[in-house]
Amino acid sequence: MLDVYLLRHGETTFNADGNRYCGRTDAKLTEKGIAQALRVAEKLEGVNIDAVYTSPLERAYRTAEIACGGRQLIVREPRLIELDFGTWEGKTRGEFVAEDPALWEAWNNDPAVAPAGGTGDTALQVVQRVDDFFAEMQRHHDGQTIIVVAHNGVNRLYLAYKLGMHLRNYRSIVQENSAITLIRFGGDEPFALLKLNA
């Protein structure tokens, strides 16, 4: 059994600027984002954490650093990086839909096969790499508790996949900045969502 505190990073400059699609851009945390991560650290005080993994992007790494309160070595894990949003990178949804509505429609209809922004990742590519990461975590950390800090797109796609949802419905799962989502691998069910946005 493996318990995972799955976090989205704190608010970034892109989130604060009309919720621009950040993707692989290394946007910094805002003061609000830092405060959000500090609240997570308070909630996790007293929780025994065996390992901490984060997307290699600075916004996730910094959130992990604050949230774990310096108690653990933090491992940057490439498989947790946010989607490559292709031509949508740095734009708001309103901006890129106006530029090319067909690209958004293709992604909306079936993100499993449609590349984000025409040239970015498909949802299937994302869930395969993240599922590979979590399979490895279950082998190495059986019976332990870990923190994983990643991104809105990555986390929601993976949760949708593990909950048996069609990937086009991933946006039905809301994951707030630096809120705690607790998932469990093993036990009574192979996968369980125990808390969302705690």
N, C-alpha and C. Protein backbone atom coordinates (compact mmCIF):
# COMPACT_ATOMS: atom_id res chain seq x y z
N MET A 1 0.85 -1.19 0.00
CA MET A 1 0.00 0.00 0.00
C MET A 1 0.89 1.24 0.00
N LEU A 2 0.51 2.24 -0.78
CA LEU A 2 1.25 3.50 -0.86
C LEU A 2 0.28 4.66 -0.76
N ASP A 3 0.50 5.56 0.20
CA ASP A 3 -0.28 6.79 0.32
C ASP A 3 0.49 7.93 -0.33
N VAL A 4 -0.21 8.73 -1.12
CA VAL A 4 0.42 9.82 -1.86
C VAL A 4 -0.33 11.12 -1.59
N TYR A 5 0.38 12.10 -1.06
CA TYR A 5 -0.15 13.46 -1.00
C TYR A 5 0.20 14.11 -2.34
N LEU A 6 -0.81 14.22 -3.19
CA LEU A 6 -0.62 14.73 -4.55
C LEU A 6 -1.00 16.20 -4.57
N LEU A 7 -0.03 17.06 -4.80
CA LEU A 7 -0.26 18.50 -4.79
C LEU A 7 -0.09 19.09 -6.19
N ARG A 8 -0.87 20.12 -6.43
CA ARG A 8 -0.59 21.03 -7.53
C ARG A 8 0.27 22.15 -6.92
N HIS A 9 1.18 22.69 -7.68
CA HIS A 9 2.02 23.78 -7.19
C HIS A 9 1.17 24.99 -6.77
N GLY A 10 1.77 25.91 -6.05
CA GLY A 10 1.09 27.14 -5.65
C GLY A 10 0.85 28.06 -6.84
N GLU A 11 0.08 29.11 -6.58
CA GLU A 11 -0.25 30.07 -7.64
C GLU A 11 1.02 30.65 -8.26
N THR A 12 1.01 30.77 -9.60
CA THR A 12 2.14 31.35 -10.32
C THR A 12 1.76 32.68 -10.94
N THR A 13 2.75 33.34 -11.50
CA THR A 13 2.50 34.60 -12.21
C THR A 13 1.56 34.36 -13.40
N PHE A 14 1.62 33.19 -14.03
CA PHE A 14 0.73 32.87 -15.15
C PHE A 14 -0.70 32.65 -14.67
N ASN A 15 -0.85 31.96 -13.52
CA ASN A 15 -2.19 31.75 -12.95
C ASN A 15 -2.83 33.10 -12.63
N ALA A 16 -2.03 34.01 -12.07
CA ALA A 16 -2.54 35.31 -11.64
C ALA A 16 -2.83 36.23 -12.82
N ASP A 17 -2.26 35.94 -13.98
CA ASP A 17 -2.44 36.79 -15.16
C ASP A 17 -3.47 36.17 -16.12
N GLY A 18 -4.70 36.05 -15.66
CA GLY A 18 -5.76 35.54 -16.53
C GLY A 18 -5.72 34.05 -16.76
N ASN A 19 -4.99 33.32 -15.89
CA ASN A 19 -4.87 31.86 -15.99
C ASN A 19 -4.29 31.44 -17.35
N ARG A 20 -3.14 32.02 -17.68
CA ARG A 20 -2.45 31.66 -18.93
C ARG A 20 -1.94 30.23 -18.84
N TYR A 21 -1.97 29.52 -19.96
CA TYR A 21 -1.48 28.15 -19.99
C TYR A 21 0.04 28.17 -19.85
N CYS A 22 0.52 27.59 -18.77
CA CYS A 22 1.93 27.71 -18.40
C CYS A 22 2.78 26.59 -18.99
N GLY A 23 2.25 25.38 -18.99
CA GLY A 23 2.99 24.26 -19.58
C GLY A 23 4.42 24.17 -19.12
N ARG A 24 5.34 24.20 -20.07
CA ARG A 24 6.76 24.02 -19.77
C ARG A 24 7.47 25.33 -19.42
N THR A 25 6.77 26.45 -19.51
CA THR A 25 7.37 27.73 -19.11
C THR A 25 7.63 27.70 -17.60
N ASP A 26 8.80 28.16 -17.20
CA ASP A 26 9.17 28.07 -15.78
C ASP A 26 8.72 29.30 -15.01
N ALA A 27 7.40 29.48 -14.90
CA ALA A 27 6.84 30.63 -14.19
C ALA A 27 7.10 30.52 -12.69
N LYS A 28 7.27 31.65 -12.06
CA LYS A 28 7.57 31.71 -10.63
C LYS A 28 6.28 31.71 -9.80
N LEU A 29 6.42 31.29 -8.53
CA LEU A 29 5.31 31.40 -7.59
C LEU A 29 5.10 32.87 -7.24
N THR A 30 3.84 33.24 -7.02
CA THR A 30 3.51 34.56 -6.49
C THR A 30 3.62 34.50 -4.96
N GLU A 31 3.47 35.66 -4.33
CA GLU A 31 3.43 35.68 -2.86
C GLU A 31 2.27 34.83 -2.35
N LYS A 32 1.14 34.89 -3.05
CA LYS A 32 0.00 34.05 -2.69
C LYS A 32 0.36 32.58 -2.82
N GLY A 33 1.08 32.22 -3.88
CA GLY A 33 1.50 30.83 -4.09
C GLY A 33 2.40 30.34 -2.97
N ILE A 34 3.29 31.19 -2.49
CA ILE A 34 4.17 30.83 -1.37
C ILE A 34 3.34 30.63 -0.10
N ALA A 35 2.36 31.53 0.13
CA ALA A 35 1.49 31.40 1.30
C ALA A 35 0.67 30.11 1.24
N GLN A 36 0.23 29.74 0.04
CA GLN A 36 -0.53 28.49 -0.12
C GLN A 36 0.34 27.29 0.26
N ALA A 37 1.58 27.29 -0.16
CA ALA A 37 2.49 26.18 0.16
C ALA A 37 2.78 26.13 1.66
N LEU A 38 2.87 27.29 2.29
CA LEU A 38 3.09 27.32 3.74
C LEU A 38 1.90 26.71 4.49
N ARG A 39 0.68 26.93 3.98
CA ARG A 39 -0.50 26.32 4.62
C ARG A 39 -0.45 24.79 4.50
N VAL A 40 0.06 24.29 3.37
CA VAL A 40 0.21 22.84 3.22
C VAL A 40 1.21 22.31 4.25
N ALA A 41 2.30 23.03 4.43
CA ALA A 41 3.31 22.62 5.42
C ALA A 41 2.68 22.49 6.81
N GLU A 42 1.81 23.43 7.16
CA GLU A 42 1.11 23.37 8.46
C GLU A 42 0.22 22.13 8.55
N LYS A 43 -0.50 21.84 7.45
CA LYS A 43 -1.40 20.68 7.45
C LYS A 43 -0.63 19.36 7.53
N LEU A 44 0.59 19.34 6.99
CA LEU A 44 1.37 18.10 6.96
C LEU A 44 2.29 17.95 8.17
N GLU A 45 2.28 18.95 9.04
CA GLU A 45 3.11 18.86 10.23
C GLU A 45 2.69 17.63 11.05
N GLY A 46 3.63 16.83 11.40
CA GLY A 46 3.34 15.61 12.15
C GLY A 46 3.06 14.39 11.28
N VAL A 47 2.89 14.58 9.97
CA VAL A 47 2.70 13.45 9.06
C VAL A 47 4.07 12.89 8.70
N ASN A 48 4.23 11.58 8.83
CA ASN A 48 5.51 10.95 8.50
C ASN A 48 5.62 10.81 6.98
N ILE A 49 6.54 11.54 6.39
CA ILE A 49 6.75 11.52 4.94
C ILE A 49 8.04 10.78 4.65
N ASP A 50 7.96 9.78 3.78
CA ASP A 50 9.12 8.96 3.47
C ASP A 50 9.92 9.45 2.27
N ALA A 51 9.27 10.17 1.36
CA ALA A 51 9.98 10.67 0.18
C ALA A 51 9.17 11.79 -0.46
N VAL A 52 9.86 12.67 -1.19
CA VAL A 52 9.21 13.78 -1.87
C VAL A 52 9.69 13.82 -3.32
N TYR A 53 8.73 13.85 -4.24
CA TYR A 53 9.03 13.91 -5.67
C TYR A 53 8.32 15.11 -6.28
N THR A 54 8.95 15.74 -7.24
CA THR A 54 8.38 16.92 -7.85
C THR A 54 8.70 16.99 -9.33
N SER A 55 7.84 17.66 -10.05
CA SER A 55 8.14 18.04 -11.42
C SER A 55 9.47 18.82 -11.40
N PRO A 56 10.23 18.75 -12.49
CA PRO A 56 11.49 19.50 -12.52
C PRO A 56 11.30 21.02 -12.61
N LEU A 57 10.09 21.48 -12.91
CA LEU A 57 9.86 22.91 -13.05
C LEU A 57 9.90 23.61 -11.69
N GLU A 58 10.44 24.82 -11.67
CA GLU A 58 10.72 25.52 -10.42
C GLU A 58 9.49 25.76 -9.56
N ARG A 59 8.33 26.03 -10.19
CA ARG A 59 7.13 26.30 -9.40
C ARG A 59 6.72 25.09 -8.57
N ALA A 60 6.91 23.90 -9.11
CA ALA A 60 6.59 22.68 -8.37
C ALA A 60 7.67 22.38 -7.32
N TYR A 61 8.93 22.53 -7.72
CA TYR A 61 10.02 22.26 -6.79
C TYR A 61 9.94 23.18 -5.57
N ARG A 62 9.70 24.47 -5.81
CA ARG A 62 9.62 25.44 -4.71
C ARG A 62 8.44 25.13 -3.80
N THR A 63 7.31 24.73 -4.38
CA THR A 63 6.15 24.33 -3.57
C THR A 63 6.49 23.13 -2.70
N ALA A 64 7.18 22.15 -3.27
CA ALA A 64 7.57 20.96 -2.51
C ALA A 64 8.51 21.32 -1.38
N GLU A 65 9.45 22.20 -1.66
CA GLU A 65 10.43 22.63 -0.68
C GLU A 65 9.75 23.26 0.54
N ILE A 66 8.77 24.12 0.27
CA ILE A 66 8.04 24.78 1.35
C ILE A 66 7.12 23.79 2.07
N ALA A 67 6.39 22.99 1.30
CA ALA A 67 5.39 22.08 1.87
C ALA A 67 6.00 21.01 2.76
N CYS A 68 7.18 20.54 2.42
CA CYS A 68 7.78 19.49 3.26
C CYS A 68 8.65 20.07 4.36
N GLY A 69 8.75 21.41 4.41
CA GLY A 69 9.44 22.06 5.52
C GLY A 69 10.89 21.68 5.67
N GLY A 70 11.52 21.32 4.57
CA GLY A 70 12.94 20.97 4.62
C GLY A 70 13.24 19.64 5.28
N ARG A 71 12.19 18.81 5.47
CA ARG A 71 12.39 17.53 6.18
C ARG A 71 12.99 16.45 5.30
N GLN A 72 12.87 16.61 3.99
CA GLN A 72 13.24 15.52 3.08
C GLN A 72 14.06 16.03 1.91
N LEU A 73 14.87 15.15 1.37
CA LEU A 73 15.50 15.39 0.08
C LEU A 73 14.38 15.39 -0.97
N ILE A 74 14.42 16.32 -1.90
CA ILE A 74 13.39 16.41 -2.93
C ILE A 74 13.98 15.93 -4.25
N VAL A 75 13.32 14.97 -4.87
CA VAL A 75 13.79 14.41 -6.14
C VAL A 75 13.01 15.03 -7.29
N ARG A 76 13.70 15.65 -8.23
CA ARG A 76 13.05 16.18 -9.44
C ARG A 76 12.82 15.02 -10.40
N GLU A 77 11.57 14.84 -10.79
CA GLU A 77 11.16 13.68 -11.60
C GLU A 77 10.61 14.16 -12.95
N PRO A 78 11.32 13.91 -14.05
CA PRO A 78 10.90 14.40 -15.37
C PRO A 78 9.51 13.94 -15.80
N ARG A 79 9.07 12.76 -15.34
CA ARG A 79 7.77 12.25 -15.77
C ARG A 79 6.60 13.05 -15.19
N LEU A 80 6.88 13.91 -14.20
CA LEU A 80 5.83 14.71 -13.58
C LEU A 80 5.69 16.10 -14.20
N ILE A 81 6.49 16.40 -15.22
CA ILE A 81 6.44 17.72 -15.83
C ILE A 81 5.06 17.97 -16.46
N GLU A 82 4.67 19.24 -16.50
CA GLU A 82 3.37 19.62 -17.06
C GLU A 82 3.32 19.30 -18.55
N LEU A 83 2.10 19.24 -19.08
CA LEU A 83 1.91 19.04 -20.51
C LEU A 83 2.68 20.09 -21.30
N ASP A 84 3.13 19.68 -22.47
CA ASP A 84 3.56 20.63 -23.48
C ASP A 84 2.29 21.09 -24.17
N PHE A 85 1.96 22.37 -24.02
CA PHE A 85 0.72 22.90 -24.58
C PHE A 85 0.86 23.42 -26.01
N GLY A 86 1.98 23.19 -26.65
CA GLY A 86 2.14 23.58 -28.05
C GLY A 86 1.90 25.07 -28.25
N THR A 87 1.09 25.40 -29.23
CA THR A 87 0.83 26.80 -29.58
C THR A 87 -0.01 27.53 -28.54
N TRP A 88 -0.56 26.80 -27.55
CA TRP A 88 -1.36 27.44 -26.50
C TRP A 88 -0.51 28.03 -25.38
N GLU A 89 0.77 27.67 -25.36
CA GLU A 89 1.66 28.10 -24.29
C GLU A 89 1.65 29.63 -24.13
N GLY A 90 1.43 30.08 -22.90
CA GLY A 90 1.50 31.49 -22.59
C GLY A 90 0.24 32.28 -22.93
N LYS A 91 -0.78 31.60 -23.43
CA LYS A 91 -2.02 32.28 -23.83
C LYS A 91 -3.17 31.85 -22.92
N THR A 92 -4.19 32.70 -22.85
CA THR A 92 -5.41 32.30 -22.15
C THR A 92 -6.24 31.44 -23.09
N ARG A 93 -7.17 30.69 -22.52
CA ARG A 93 -8.04 29.87 -23.36
C ARG A 93 -8.80 30.73 -24.37
N GLY A 94 -9.31 31.88 -23.93
CA GLY A 94 -10.02 32.77 -24.83
C GLY A 94 -9.18 33.20 -26.02
N GLU A 95 -7.89 33.45 -25.78
CA GLU A 95 -6.99 33.88 -26.86
C GLU A 95 -6.75 32.76 -27.87
N PHE A 96 -6.42 31.57 -27.38
CA PHE A 96 -6.06 30.54 -28.37
C PHE A 96 -7.28 29.92 -29.05
N VAL A 97 -8.42 29.90 -28.38
CA VAL A 97 -9.63 29.40 -29.04
C VAL A 97 -10.02 30.34 -30.17
N ALA A 98 -9.89 31.64 -29.95
CA ALA A 98 -10.20 32.62 -31.00
C ALA A 98 -9.26 32.46 -32.20
N GLU A 99 -8.01 32.11 -31.95
CA GLU A 99 -7.03 31.95 -33.03
C GLU A 99 -7.30 30.71 -33.87
N ASP A 100 -7.67 29.60 -33.21
CA ASP A 100 -7.88 28.35 -33.94
C ASP A 100 -8.86 27.46 -33.18
N PRO A 101 -10.18 27.72 -33.39
CA PRO A 101 -11.18 26.96 -32.64
C PRO A 101 -11.13 25.45 -32.92
N ALA A 102 -10.68 25.05 -34.10
CA ALA A 102 -10.65 23.62 -34.46
C ALA A 102 -9.67 22.85 -33.57
N LEU A 103 -8.55 23.48 -33.21
CA LEU A 103 -7.58 22.81 -32.35
C LEU A 103 -8.19 22.52 -30.98
N TRP A 104 -8.91 23.52 -30.43
CA TRP A 104 -9.54 23.33 -29.13
C TRP A 104 -10.64 22.28 -29.22
N GLU A 105 -11.40 22.29 -30.30
CA GLU A 105 -12.48 21.30 -30.46
C GLU A 105 -11.91 19.89 -30.53
N ALA A 106 -10.80 19.72 -31.25
CA ALA A 106 -10.17 18.39 -31.34
C ALA A 106 -9.72 17.91 -29.97
N TRP A 107 -9.08 18.80 -29.20
CA TRP A 107 -8.63 18.45 -27.84
C TRP A 107 -9.82 18.14 -26.94
N ASN A 108 -10.85 18.96 -27.02
CA ASN A 108 -12.05 18.78 -26.21
C ASN A 108 -12.73 17.45 -26.51
N ASN A 109 -12.78 17.08 -27.76
CA ASN A 109 -13.46 15.84 -28.16
C ASN A 109 -12.70 14.59 -27.75
N ASP A 110 -11.37 14.61 -27.93
CA ASP A 110 -10.59 13.42 -27.57
C ASP A 110 -9.13 13.79 -27.31
N PRO A 111 -8.84 14.30 -26.10
CA PRO A 111 -7.46 14.68 -25.79
C PRO A 111 -6.50 13.50 -25.75
N ALA A 112 -7.03 12.29 -25.67
CA ALA A 112 -6.15 11.12 -25.65
C ALA A 112 -5.30 11.05 -26.91
N VAL A 113 -5.86 11.51 -28.03
CA VAL A 113 -5.14 11.41 -29.31
C VAL A 113 -4.82 12.76 -29.95
N ALA A 114 -5.52 13.81 -29.54
CA ALA A 114 -5.29 15.14 -30.13
C ALA A 114 -4.17 15.84 -29.37
N PRO A 115 -3.11 16.29 -30.04
CA PRO A 115 -2.04 16.99 -29.33
C PRO A 115 -2.51 18.37 -28.86
N ALA A 116 -2.21 18.70 -27.62
CA ALA A 116 -2.55 20.02 -27.08
C ALA A 116 -1.88 21.09 -27.92
N GLY A 117 -2.65 22.10 -28.31
CA GLY A 117 -2.10 23.20 -29.10
C GLY A 117 -1.55 22.77 -30.44
N GLY A 118 -1.97 21.60 -30.93
CA GLY A 118 -1.55 21.13 -32.25
C GLY A 118 -0.20 20.46 -32.30
N THR A 119 0.72 20.85 -31.42
CA THR A 119 2.09 20.32 -31.47
C THR A 119 2.58 19.79 -30.12
N GLY A 120 1.71 19.84 -29.11
CA GLY A 120 2.12 19.44 -27.77
C GLY A 120 1.82 17.99 -27.46
N ASP A 121 1.67 17.70 -26.17
CA ASP A 121 1.40 16.34 -25.70
C ASP A 121 -0.04 15.94 -25.93
N THR A 122 -0.26 14.64 -26.09
CA THR A 122 -1.61 14.09 -26.00
C THR A 122 -1.84 13.68 -24.55
N ALA A 123 -3.10 13.57 -24.17
CA ALA A 123 -3.42 13.14 -22.81
C ALA A 123 -2.92 11.71 -22.55
N LEU A 124 -2.96 10.88 -23.57
CA LEU A 124 -2.49 9.50 -23.40
C LEU A 124 -1.00 9.45 -23.10
N GLN A 125 -0.23 10.30 -23.76
CA GLN A 125 1.21 10.36 -23.46
C GLN A 125 1.44 10.76 -22.00
N VAL A 126 0.65 11.69 -21.53
CA VAL A 126 0.78 12.16 -20.15
C VAL A 126 0.45 11.06 -19.16
N VAL A 127 -0.71 10.42 -19.31
CA VAL A 127 -1.10 9.41 -18.31
C VAL A 127 -0.17 8.20 -18.36
N GLN A 128 0.38 7.88 -19.51
CA GLN A 128 1.30 6.75 -19.58
C GLN A 128 2.58 7.02 -18.81
N ARG A 129 3.13 8.24 -18.96
CA ARG A 129 4.38 8.54 -18.24
C ARG A 129 4.14 8.67 -16.74
N VAL A 130 3.00 9.25 -16.34
CA VAL A 130 2.70 9.41 -14.92
C VAL A 130 2.37 8.05 -14.29
N ASP A 131 1.65 7.20 -15.02
CA ASP A 131 1.34 5.86 -14.51
C ASP A 131 2.62 5.04 -14.33
N ASP A 132 3.56 5.22 -15.24
CA ASP A 132 4.85 4.54 -15.13
C ASP A 132 5.58 5.00 -13.86
N PHE A 133 5.53 6.29 -13.60
CA PHE A 133 6.15 6.83 -12.37
C PHE A 133 5.52 6.21 -11.13
N PHE A 134 4.18 6.19 -11.06
CA PHE A 134 3.52 5.68 -9.86
C PHE A 134 3.70 4.16 -9.70
N ALA A 135 3.81 3.44 -10.80
CA ALA A 135 4.10 2.01 -10.70
C ALA A 135 5.47 1.80 -10.04
N GLU A 136 6.42 2.62 -10.42
CA GLU A 136 7.75 2.54 -9.82
C GLU A 136 7.71 2.92 -8.34
N MET A 137 6.91 3.92 -8.00
CA MET A 137 6.80 4.34 -6.60
C MET A 137 6.22 3.22 -5.73
N GLN A 138 5.27 2.48 -6.27
CA GLN A 138 4.67 1.40 -5.50
C GLN A 138 5.68 0.30 -5.22
N ARG A 139 6.60 0.06 -6.14
CA ARG A 139 7.63 -0.95 -5.92
C ARG A 139 8.65 -0.50 -4.87
N HIS A 140 8.99 0.79 -4.88
CA HIS A 140 10.05 1.30 -4.01
C HIS A 140 9.56 1.78 -2.65
N HIS A 141 8.28 2.15 -2.56
CA HIS A 141 7.79 2.77 -1.32
C HIS A 141 6.56 2.05 -0.76
N ASP A 142 6.47 0.75 -0.96
CA ASP A 142 5.33 0.00 -0.44
C ASP A 142 5.24 0.18 1.07
N GLY A 143 4.04 0.53 1.54
CA GLY A 143 3.82 0.73 2.97
C GLY A 143 4.24 2.10 3.47
N GLN A 144 4.61 2.99 2.56
CA GLN A 144 5.09 4.31 2.95
C GLN A 144 4.14 5.42 2.50
N THR A 145 4.52 6.64 2.83
CA THR A 145 3.76 7.83 2.44
C THR A 145 4.71 8.79 1.75
N ILE A 146 4.30 9.29 0.59
CA ILE A 146 5.15 10.21 -0.16
C ILE A 146 4.37 11.47 -0.53
N ILE A 147 5.10 12.54 -0.82
CA ILE A 147 4.53 13.76 -1.39
C ILE A 147 4.93 13.81 -2.86
N VAL A 148 3.97 14.13 -3.72
CA VAL A 148 4.24 14.33 -5.14
C VAL A 148 3.66 15.69 -5.52
N VAL A 149 4.51 16.57 -6.04
CA VAL A 149 4.05 17.90 -6.45
C VAL A 149 4.19 18.02 -7.97
N ALA A 150 3.06 18.22 -8.62
CA ALA A 150 3.07 18.33 -10.08
C ALA A 150 2.17 19.50 -10.50
N HIS A 151 1.34 19.27 -11.51
CA HIS A 151 0.66 20.37 -12.18
C HIS A 151 -0.82 20.07 -12.41
N ASN A 152 -1.57 21.11 -12.71
CA ASN A 152 -3.01 21.00 -12.89
C ASN A 152 -3.38 20.01 -13.99
N GLY A 153 -2.80 20.17 -15.16
CA GLY A 153 -3.12 19.28 -16.27
C GLY A 153 -2.73 17.84 -16.00
N VAL A 154 -1.49 17.64 -15.59
CA VAL A 154 -0.97 16.30 -15.31
C VAL A 154 -1.80 15.59 -14.24
N ASN A 155 -2.03 16.28 -13.12
CA ASN A 155 -2.74 15.65 -12.00
C ASN A 155 -4.18 15.31 -12.37
N ARG A 156 -4.87 16.23 -13.02
CA ARG A 156 -6.27 15.97 -13.35
C ARG A 156 -6.42 14.87 -14.40
N LEU A 157 -5.56 14.86 -15.38
CA LEU A 157 -5.61 13.78 -16.38
C LEU A 157 -5.35 12.43 -15.72
N TYR A 158 -4.38 12.38 -14.83
CA TYR A 158 -4.06 11.11 -14.19
C TYR A 158 -5.19 10.64 -13.28
N LEU A 159 -5.75 11.56 -12.50
CA LEU A 159 -6.88 11.19 -11.64
C LEU A 159 -8.06 10.69 -12.47
N ALA A 160 -8.37 11.38 -13.56
CA ALA A 160 -9.47 10.95 -14.44
C ALA A 160 -9.21 9.54 -14.96
N TYR A 161 -7.99 9.30 -15.39
CA TYR A 161 -7.60 7.98 -15.91
C TYR A 161 -7.77 6.89 -14.85
N LYS A 162 -7.27 7.14 -13.64
CA LYS A 162 -7.34 6.13 -12.59
C LYS A 162 -8.77 5.91 -12.09
N LEU A 163 -9.62 6.93 -12.21
CA LEU A 163 -11.01 6.80 -11.79
C LEU A 163 -11.90 6.25 -12.90
N GLY A 164 -11.32 5.91 -14.04
CA GLY A 164 -12.07 5.29 -15.13
C GLY A 164 -12.89 6.26 -15.95
N MET A 165 -12.59 7.55 -15.85
CA MET A 165 -13.33 8.55 -16.62
C MET A 165 -12.76 8.66 -18.03
N HIS A 166 -13.60 9.07 -18.98
CA HIS A 166 -13.07 9.41 -20.30
C HIS A 166 -12.18 10.63 -20.12
N LEU A 167 -11.02 10.62 -20.76
CA LEU A 167 -10.06 11.69 -20.54
C LEU A 167 -10.59 13.07 -20.94
N ARG A 168 -11.58 13.12 -21.83
CA ARG A 168 -12.13 14.44 -22.19
C ARG A 168 -12.85 15.10 -21.01
N ASN A 169 -13.13 14.32 -19.97
CA ASN A 169 -13.82 14.86 -18.79
C ASN A 169 -12.88 15.28 -17.66
N TYR A 170 -11.57 15.32 -17.95
CA TYR A 170 -10.61 15.59 -16.88
C TYR A 170 -10.82 16.95 -16.21
N ARG A 171 -11.36 17.92 -16.94
CA ARG A 171 -11.57 19.24 -16.36
C ARG A 171 -12.72 19.25 -15.35
N SER A 172 -13.47 18.15 -15.25
CA SER A 172 -14.51 18.02 -14.22
C SER A 172 -13.90 17.86 -12.83
N ILE A 173 -12.63 17.50 -12.79
CA ILE A 173 -11.91 17.39 -11.52
C ILE A 173 -11.20 18.72 -11.29
N VAL A 174 -11.51 19.35 -10.19
CA VAL A 174 -10.88 20.63 -9.86
C VAL A 174 -9.77 20.36 -8.84
N GLN A 175 -8.57 20.79 -9.16
CA GLN A 175 -7.49 20.71 -8.18
C GLN A 175 -6.95 22.12 -7.94
N GLU A 176 -7.17 22.62 -6.76
CA GLU A 176 -6.78 23.97 -6.42
C GLU A 176 -5.27 24.05 -6.17
N ASN A 177 -4.73 25.26 -6.35
CA ASN A 177 -3.30 25.47 -6.09
C ASN A 177 -2.95 25.08 -4.66
N SER A 178 -1.95 24.23 -4.53
CA SER A 178 -1.40 23.81 -3.23
C SER A 178 -2.44 23.24 -2.26
N ALA A 179 -3.52 22.69 -2.78
CA ALA A 179 -4.46 21.97 -1.92
C ALA A 179 -4.04 20.50 -1.90
N ILE A 180 -4.38 19.83 -0.81
CA ILE A 180 -3.97 18.43 -0.65
C ILE A 180 -4.99 17.50 -1.27
N THR A 181 -4.51 16.65 -2.16
CA THR A 181 -5.27 15.52 -2.66
C THR A 181 -4.55 14.27 -2.16
N LEU A 182 -5.28 13.38 -1.53
CA LEU A 182 -4.67 12.17 -0.98
C LEU A 182 -5.19 10.96 -1.74
N ILE A 183 -4.27 10.21 -2.33
CA ILE A 183 -4.63 8.99 -3.05
C ILE A 183 -3.90 7.80 -2.45
N ARG A 184 -4.47 6.62 -2.66
CA ARG A 184 -3.86 5.40 -2.12
C ARG A 184 -3.82 4.33 -3.20
N PHE A 185 -2.68 3.70 -3.30
CA PHE A 185 -2.52 2.54 -4.16
C PHE A 185 -2.46 1.30 -3.28
N GLY A 186 -3.31 0.31 -3.57
CA GLY A 186 -3.34 -0.91 -2.78
C GLY A 186 -4.36 -0.81 -1.67
N GLY A 187 -4.36 -1.80 -0.79
CA GLY A 187 -5.39 -1.83 0.25
C GLY A 187 -6.63 -2.50 -0.27
N ASP A 188 -7.81 -2.04 0.16
CA ASP A 188 -9.06 -2.66 -0.25
C ASP A 188 -9.33 -2.49 -1.75
N GLU A 189 -8.86 -1.39 -2.33
CA GLU A 189 -9.02 -1.12 -3.75
C GLU A 189 -7.64 -0.90 -4.37
N PRO A 190 -7.47 -1.22 -5.65
CA PRO A 190 -6.16 -0.96 -6.28
C PRO A 190 -5.80 0.53 -6.27
N PHE A 191 -6.85 1.38 -6.38
CA PHE A 191 -6.63 2.83 -6.36
C PHE A 191 -7.82 3.47 -5.67
N ALA A 192 -7.54 4.43 -4.78
CA ALA A 192 -8.63 5.13 -4.09
C ALA A 192 -8.28 6.61 -3.95
N LEU A 193 -9.26 7.46 -4.19
CA LEU A 193 -9.16 8.90 -3.96
C LEU A 193 -9.73 9.16 -2.58
N LEU A 194 -8.87 9.48 -1.61
CA LEU A 194 -9.30 9.63 -0.22
C LEU A 194 -9.69 11.07 0.13
N LYS A 195 -8.98 12.04 -0.46
CA LYS A 195 -9.28 13.45 -0.21
C LYS A 195 -9.01 14.23 -1.48
N LEU A 196 -9.81 15.27 -1.72
CA LEU A 196 -9.60 16.15 -2.85
C LEU A 196 -9.72 17.59 -2.37
N ASN A 197 -8.67 18.38 -2.56
CA ASN A 197 -8.64 19.79 -2.16
C ASN A 197 -8.85 19.99 -0.66
N ALA A 198 -8.18 19.16 0.13
CA ALA A 198 -8.29 19.28 1.59
C ALA A 198 -7.44 20.43 2.10
